[in-house]
N, C-alpha and C. Protein backbone atom coordinates (compact mmCIF):
# COMPACT_ATOMS: atom_id res chain seq x y z
N ALA A 1 8.48 12.70 -5.19
CA ALA A 1 9.75 12.99 -5.11
C ALA A 1 10.72 12.56 -3.99
N GLU A 2 10.07 12.69 -2.85
CA GLU A 2 11.57 12.19 -2.08
C GLU A 2 11.46 10.72 -1.68
N LEU A 3 10.69 9.64 -2.42
CA LEU A 3 10.84 8.43 -1.95
C LEU A 3 11.71 7.81 -2.90
N PRO A 4 12.71 7.64 -4.24
CA PRO A 4 13.32 7.06 -4.87
C PRO A 4 14.67 7.87 -3.42
N GLY A 5 15.23 8.92 -3.55
CA GLY A 5 15.81 9.20 -2.53
C GLY A 5 16.28 8.34 -0.95
N VAL A 6 15.10 8.21 -0.39
CA VAL A 6 14.76 6.65 -0.12
C VAL A 6 15.20 6.30 0.27
N LEU A 7 14.92 5.27 -0.78
CA LEU A 7 14.67 4.01 -1.02
C LEU A 7 16.74 3.71 -1.54
N HIS A 8 17.16 4.47 -2.02
CA HIS A 8 18.68 4.97 -2.68
C HIS A 8 19.60 4.66 -1.49
N LYS A 9 19.29 5.34 -0.42
CA LYS A 9 20.41 5.26 1.32
C LYS A 9 20.10 3.97 1.77
N PHE A 10 19.58 3.04 0.78
CA PHE A 10 19.78 1.67 1.54
C PHE A 10 20.19 0.48 0.69
N ASP A 11 20.80 -0.37 1.17
CA ASP A 11 21.90 -1.18 -0.60
C ASP A 11 20.23 -2.37 -0.51
N SER A 12 19.41 -2.24 0.41
CA SER A 12 18.39 -3.42 0.24
C SER A 12 17.14 -3.24 -0.59
N TRP A 13 17.29 -1.60 -1.42
CA TRP A 13 16.51 -1.68 -1.97
C TRP A 13 16.52 -1.83 -3.93
N HIS A 14 17.79 -2.98 -4.18
CA HIS A 14 17.83 -3.07 -5.30
C HIS A 14 16.71 -4.19 -5.39
N GLY A 15 15.82 -4.25 -6.37
CA GLY A 15 15.14 -5.18 -6.49
C GLY A 15 13.95 -4.88 -6.17
N THR A 16 13.51 -3.71 -5.22
CA THR A 16 12.29 -3.45 -5.45
C THR A 16 12.06 -2.43 -6.35
N TRP A 17 10.19 -1.31 -5.94
CA TRP A 17 9.89 -1.36 -7.29
C TRP A 17 8.86 -0.59 -6.62
N ILE A 18 8.21 0.80 -6.85
CA ILE A 18 7.22 1.66 -6.78
C ILE A 18 6.43 1.68 -7.83
N GLU A 19 4.82 1.16 -6.58
CA GLU A 19 3.90 1.33 -7.98
C GLU A 19 2.98 2.45 -7.12
N GLU A 20 2.40 3.26 -8.69
CA GLU A 20 1.86 4.29 -8.09
C GLU A 20 0.47 3.69 -8.04
N LYS A 21 -0.68 4.70 -6.97
CA LYS A 21 -1.83 3.91 -6.84
C LYS A 21 -2.39 4.63 -6.79
N GLY A 22 -2.28 6.18 -7.98
CA GLY A 22 -3.43 7.28 -7.32
C GLY A 22 -2.98 8.03 -6.69
N GLN A 23 -3.77 7.85 -5.33
CA GLN A 23 -3.25 8.67 -4.10
C GLN A 23 -2.98 8.13 -3.23
N ALA A 24 -1.98 6.63 -3.81
CA ALA A 24 -1.12 5.63 -2.18
C ALA A 24 0.25 5.60 -3.49
N VAL A 25 0.80 5.14 -3.07
CA VAL A 25 2.60 4.79 -3.58
C VAL A 25 2.50 3.32 -2.90
N ALA A 26 2.61 2.72 -3.34
CA ALA A 26 3.38 1.36 -2.71
C ALA A 26 5.06 0.80 -3.42
N VAL A 27 6.02 0.63 -2.14
CA VAL A 27 6.96 -0.09 -2.60
C VAL A 27 6.99 -1.18 -2.03
N HIS A 28 7.33 -2.30 -3.47
CA HIS A 28 6.92 -3.99 -3.09
C HIS A 28 8.45 -4.10 -3.07
N THR A 29 8.94 -4.95 -2.46
CA THR A 29 10.37 -5.77 -1.99
C THR A 29 10.19 -6.81 -1.89
N ARG A 30 9.37 -7.59 -3.13
CA ARG A 30 9.63 -9.63 -2.90
C ARG A 30 10.33 -9.34 -3.84
N ARG A 31 11.03 -8.82 -5.23
CA ARG A 31 11.75 -9.52 -6.05
C ARG A 31 13.14 -8.95 -5.30
N ALA A 32 13.66 -7.74 -4.12
CA ALA A 32 14.06 -8.01 -3.77
C ALA A 32 15.25 -9.17 -3.73
N GLU A 33 16.57 -8.96 -3.20
CA GLU A 33 17.57 -10.17 -3.20
C GLU A 33 16.97 -11.25 -1.72
N ASP A 34 17.10 -10.11 -0.60
CA ASP A 34 16.12 -10.77 0.58
C ASP A 34 15.12 -9.52 0.69
N PRO A 35 13.98 -10.53 0.01
CA PRO A 35 12.38 -9.76 0.91
C PRO A 35 12.46 -9.09 1.88
N GLN A 36 12.86 -9.90 2.75
CA GLN A 36 11.99 -9.65 4.44
C GLN A 36 13.19 -8.40 4.90
N ALA A 37 14.83 -8.43 4.55
CA ALA A 37 15.24 -7.55 5.23
C ALA A 37 15.37 -6.16 4.45
N ALA A 38 14.51 -6.39 2.92
CA ALA A 38 14.53 -5.29 2.29
C ALA A 38 13.31 -4.48 2.76
N PHE A 39 12.25 -5.18 3.15
CA PHE A 39 10.97 -4.76 3.91
C PHE A 39 10.84 -4.29 5.34
N GLU A 40 12.26 -4.93 6.62
CA GLU A 40 12.14 -4.79 7.50
C GLU A 40 13.16 -3.45 7.78
N THR A 41 14.62 -3.59 6.19
CA THR A 41 15.25 -1.93 6.73
C THR A 41 14.23 -0.47 6.06
N LEU A 42 13.14 -0.63 5.01
CA LEU A 42 12.75 0.24 4.61
C LEU A 42 11.44 0.78 5.80
N ARG A 43 11.34 -0.21 6.30
CA ARG A 43 10.32 0.26 7.59
C ARG A 43 10.17 1.34 7.67
N GLY A 44 10.87 1.64 8.64
CA GLY A 44 11.38 2.78 9.64
C GLY A 44 11.21 3.50 8.64
N PRO A 45 12.06 3.84 7.90
CA PRO A 45 12.69 5.20 7.21
C PRO A 45 11.32 5.35 6.11
N LEU A 46 10.52 4.59 5.71
CA LEU A 46 9.49 4.74 5.00
C LEU A 46 8.41 5.57 5.83
N GLY A 47 8.34 4.78 6.82
CA GLY A 47 7.30 5.69 8.31
C GLY A 47 7.49 6.90 8.66
N GLU A 48 8.57 7.16 8.74
CA GLU A 48 9.48 8.57 8.41
C GLU A 48 8.74 9.25 7.71
N LEU A 49 9.22 9.29 6.69
CA LEU A 49 8.32 9.82 5.04
C LEU A 49 6.64 9.77 5.27
N ALA A 50 6.06 8.70 5.21
CA ALA A 50 4.74 8.73 5.39
C ALA A 50 4.60 9.77 6.44
N ALA A 51 4.97 9.76 7.42
CA ALA A 51 4.04 10.87 8.95
C ALA A 51 4.61 12.18 8.60
N LEU A 52 5.84 12.51 8.02
CA LEU A 52 6.23 13.66 7.13
C LEU A 52 5.34 14.20 6.56
N HIS A 53 4.51 13.90 5.65
CA HIS A 53 3.52 14.20 4.90
C HIS A 53 2.14 13.84 5.47
N GLY A 54 2.15 13.53 6.58
CA GLY A 54 0.70 13.23 6.65
C GLY A 54 0.07 11.89 6.29
N LEU A 55 0.73 11.10 5.74
CA LEU A 55 0.19 9.82 5.66
C LEU A 55 0.79 8.87 6.59
N ILE A 56 -0.35 7.58 6.32
CA ILE A 56 0.10 6.03 6.65
C ILE A 56 0.13 5.45 5.93
N LEU A 57 1.37 4.82 7.09
CA LEU A 57 2.07 2.97 6.66
C LEU A 57 1.51 2.01 6.71
N GLU A 58 1.01 1.72 5.64
CA GLU A 58 0.46 0.10 6.16
C GLU A 58 1.10 -1.08 4.99
N PRO A 59 1.69 -1.72 6.06
CA PRO A 59 2.09 -2.83 5.62
C PRO A 59 1.37 -4.05 5.58
N GLY A 60 2.69 -4.43 4.21
CA GLY A 60 1.52 -5.92 3.52
C GLY A 60 2.16 -6.96 3.53
N ARG A 61 2.17 -8.30 2.77
CA ARG A 61 2.96 -8.96 2.99
C ARG A 61 4.42 -8.47 1.63
N GLN A 62 5.53 -8.33 1.77
CA GLN A 62 6.31 -7.76 1.15
C GLN A 62 5.87 -6.80 0.59
N VAL A 63 5.29 -5.42 1.43
CA VAL A 63 5.12 -3.98 0.70
C VAL A 63 4.23 -3.14 1.36
N LEU A 64 4.94 -2.22 1.56
CA LEU A 64 4.71 -1.06 2.49
C LEU A 64 4.27 -0.14 1.39
N GLU A 65 2.65 -0.05 2.07
CA GLU A 65 2.02 0.92 1.24
C GLU A 65 1.80 2.36 2.05
N LEU A 66 2.06 3.79 1.59
CA LEU A 66 1.82 5.17 1.33
C LEU A 66 0.57 5.88 1.61
N ARG A 67 -0.63 6.10 2.28
CA ARG A 67 -1.31 6.56 2.09
C ARG A 67 -2.56 7.77 2.36
N PRO A 68 -2.98 8.41 2.18
CA PRO A 68 -3.63 9.18 2.91
C PRO A 68 -4.66 8.70 4.39
N PRO A 69 -4.89 9.33 5.61
CA PRO A 69 -5.97 8.58 6.62
C PRO A 69 -7.00 8.55 5.87
N GLY A 70 -7.68 7.78 6.00
CA GLY A 70 -8.85 7.23 5.86
C GLY A 70 -9.38 7.24 4.42
N MET A 71 -8.72 6.61 3.99
CA MET A 71 -8.56 5.95 2.26
C MET A 71 -8.00 4.60 2.32
N ASP A 72 -8.66 3.96 1.88
CA ASP A 72 -7.98 2.06 1.93
C ASP A 72 -9.36 1.54 0.67
N LYS A 73 -8.23 0.92 0.61
CA LYS A 73 -9.50 -0.58 -0.61
C LYS A 73 -10.74 -0.31 -0.06
N GLY A 74 -11.26 -0.61 0.78
CA GLY A 74 -12.37 -0.83 1.68
C GLY A 74 -13.55 0.30 1.09
N VAL A 75 -12.63 1.90 1.76
CA VAL A 75 -13.29 3.40 0.82
C VAL A 75 -13.58 3.19 -0.16
N ALA A 76 -12.00 3.06 -1.23
CA ALA A 76 -12.06 3.26 -2.85
C ALA A 76 -13.31 2.50 -3.27
N LEU A 77 -12.99 0.63 -2.93
CA LEU A 77 -14.57 -0.02 -3.47
C LEU A 77 -16.09 0.55 -3.13
N ALA A 78 -16.05 0.69 -2.28
CA ALA A 78 -17.42 1.18 -1.84
C ALA A 78 -17.57 3.15 -2.61
N THR A 79 -16.60 3.27 -2.92
CA THR A 79 -17.00 4.60 -3.94
C THR A 79 -17.02 4.17 -5.27
N TYR A 80 -16.39 3.42 -5.62
CA TYR A 80 -16.51 2.85 -6.75
C TYR A 80 -17.62 1.81 -7.16
N VAL A 81 -18.46 1.80 -6.23
CA VAL A 81 -19.49 0.71 -6.30
C VAL A 81 -20.61 1.80 -6.81
N ALA A 82 -20.89 2.63 -5.53
CA ALA A 82 -21.84 4.04 -5.64
C ALA A 82 -21.43 4.68 -7.37
N GLU A 83 -20.41 4.73 -7.74
CA GLU A 83 -20.45 5.79 -8.80
C GLU A 83 -20.81 4.90 -10.20
N VAL A 84 -20.77 3.43 -10.33
CA VAL A 84 -21.52 2.83 -11.34
C VAL A 84 -22.74 2.24 -10.84
N ASP A 85 -23.49 2.51 -9.81
CA ASP A 85 -24.06 2.30 -9.38
C ASP A 85 -24.37 0.60 -9.58
N ALA A 86 -23.89 -0.02 -9.00
CA ALA A 86 -23.67 -2.08 -8.99
C ALA A 86 -24.73 -2.25 -8.11
N GLU A 87 -25.07 -3.41 -8.78
CA GLU A 87 -25.89 -4.64 -7.86
C GLU A 87 -25.19 -5.77 -6.94
N SER A 88 -24.47 -5.65 -7.52
CA SER A 88 -23.92 -6.97 -6.88
C SER A 88 -22.21 -6.66 -6.96
N VAL A 89 -21.52 -7.47 -5.83
CA VAL A 89 -19.94 -7.11 -6.25
C VAL A 89 -19.31 -8.16 -5.75
N LEU A 90 -18.22 -8.56 -6.39
CA LEU A 90 -17.27 -9.90 -6.64
C LEU A 90 -16.04 -9.52 -6.15
N TYR A 91 -14.98 -9.14 -5.06
CA TYR A 91 -13.61 -9.11 -4.93
C TYR A 91 -13.06 -10.14 -4.29
N ALA A 92 -11.71 -10.19 -5.36
CA ALA A 92 -10.65 -10.95 -4.64
C ALA A 92 -9.43 -10.19 -4.11
N GLY A 93 -9.35 -10.78 -2.86
CA GLY A 93 -7.39 -9.96 -2.15
C GLY A 93 -6.82 -10.65 -1.94
N ASP A 94 -5.68 -10.67 -1.65
CA ASP A 94 -4.76 -11.56 -1.23
C ASP A 94 -3.23 -11.03 -0.01
N ASP A 95 -3.99 -9.88 0.35
CA ASP A 95 -3.28 -9.53 1.51
C ASP A 95 -4.11 -8.55 2.47
N LEU A 96 -3.12 -8.52 3.15
CA LEU A 96 -3.61 -7.77 4.37
C LEU A 96 -4.78 -6.33 4.41
N GLY A 97 -3.97 -5.42 2.84
CA GLY A 97 -4.62 -4.24 2.90
C GLY A 97 -6.10 -4.42 2.09
N ASP A 98 -6.49 -5.73 1.54
CA ASP A 98 -7.91 -6.17 1.05
C ASP A 98 -8.77 -5.77 2.27
N LEU A 99 -8.40 -6.58 3.70
CA LEU A 99 -9.85 -6.40 4.70
C LEU A 99 -10.02 -5.66 5.06
N ALA A 100 -10.00 -4.04 4.70
CA ALA A 100 -10.90 -3.68 4.67
C ALA A 100 -11.95 -3.52 2.54
N ALA A 101 -11.54 -3.96 1.96
CA ALA A 101 -12.70 -4.20 0.87
C ALA A 101 -13.77 -5.43 1.15
N PHE A 102 -13.25 -6.62 2.04
CA PHE A 102 -13.67 -7.56 2.25
C PHE A 102 -14.85 -7.29 3.09
N ALA A 103 -14.75 -5.88 4.38
CA ALA A 103 -15.79 -5.53 5.07
C ALA A 103 -16.20 -4.59 4.62
N ALA A 104 -15.93 -3.64 3.67
CA ALA A 104 -17.00 -3.49 2.34
C ALA A 104 -17.87 -3.56 2.08
N VAL A 105 -17.28 -5.16 1.17
CA VAL A 105 -18.50 -6.11 0.70
C VAL A 105 -19.48 -5.85 1.49
N GLU A 106 -19.41 -6.74 2.57
CA GLU A 106 -20.54 -7.61 4.05
C GLU A 106 -21.14 -6.23 3.71
N LYS A 107 -20.90 -4.94 4.57
CA LYS A 107 -22.07 -3.98 4.01
C LYS A 107 -22.68 -3.56 3.10
N LEU A 108 -22.32 -3.81 1.88
CA LEU A 108 -23.15 -3.37 0.78
C LEU A 108 -24.36 -4.35 0.74
């Protein structure tokens, strides 16, 4: 509920969008007029918001993700693989947040 208020405090929020991800939320800046300026402007305030709620701010390429400690794409992937009893896994990703999932695939 506080996230939209944080975004509206800054001129650079125009063109950003919020992606709900279950236990996490991501703020994408790639569609902003100046994506890098939006990223840098929002990084500090979103980090403060994350800390206030016991979350981690994980930066990616033109995206800032707020998530609980101990939860990442690797944990999510390993949990899903166990739930469906998968015999094999193929994972593709293109951002820093995907590194944990790649590490999880190597352990499976």
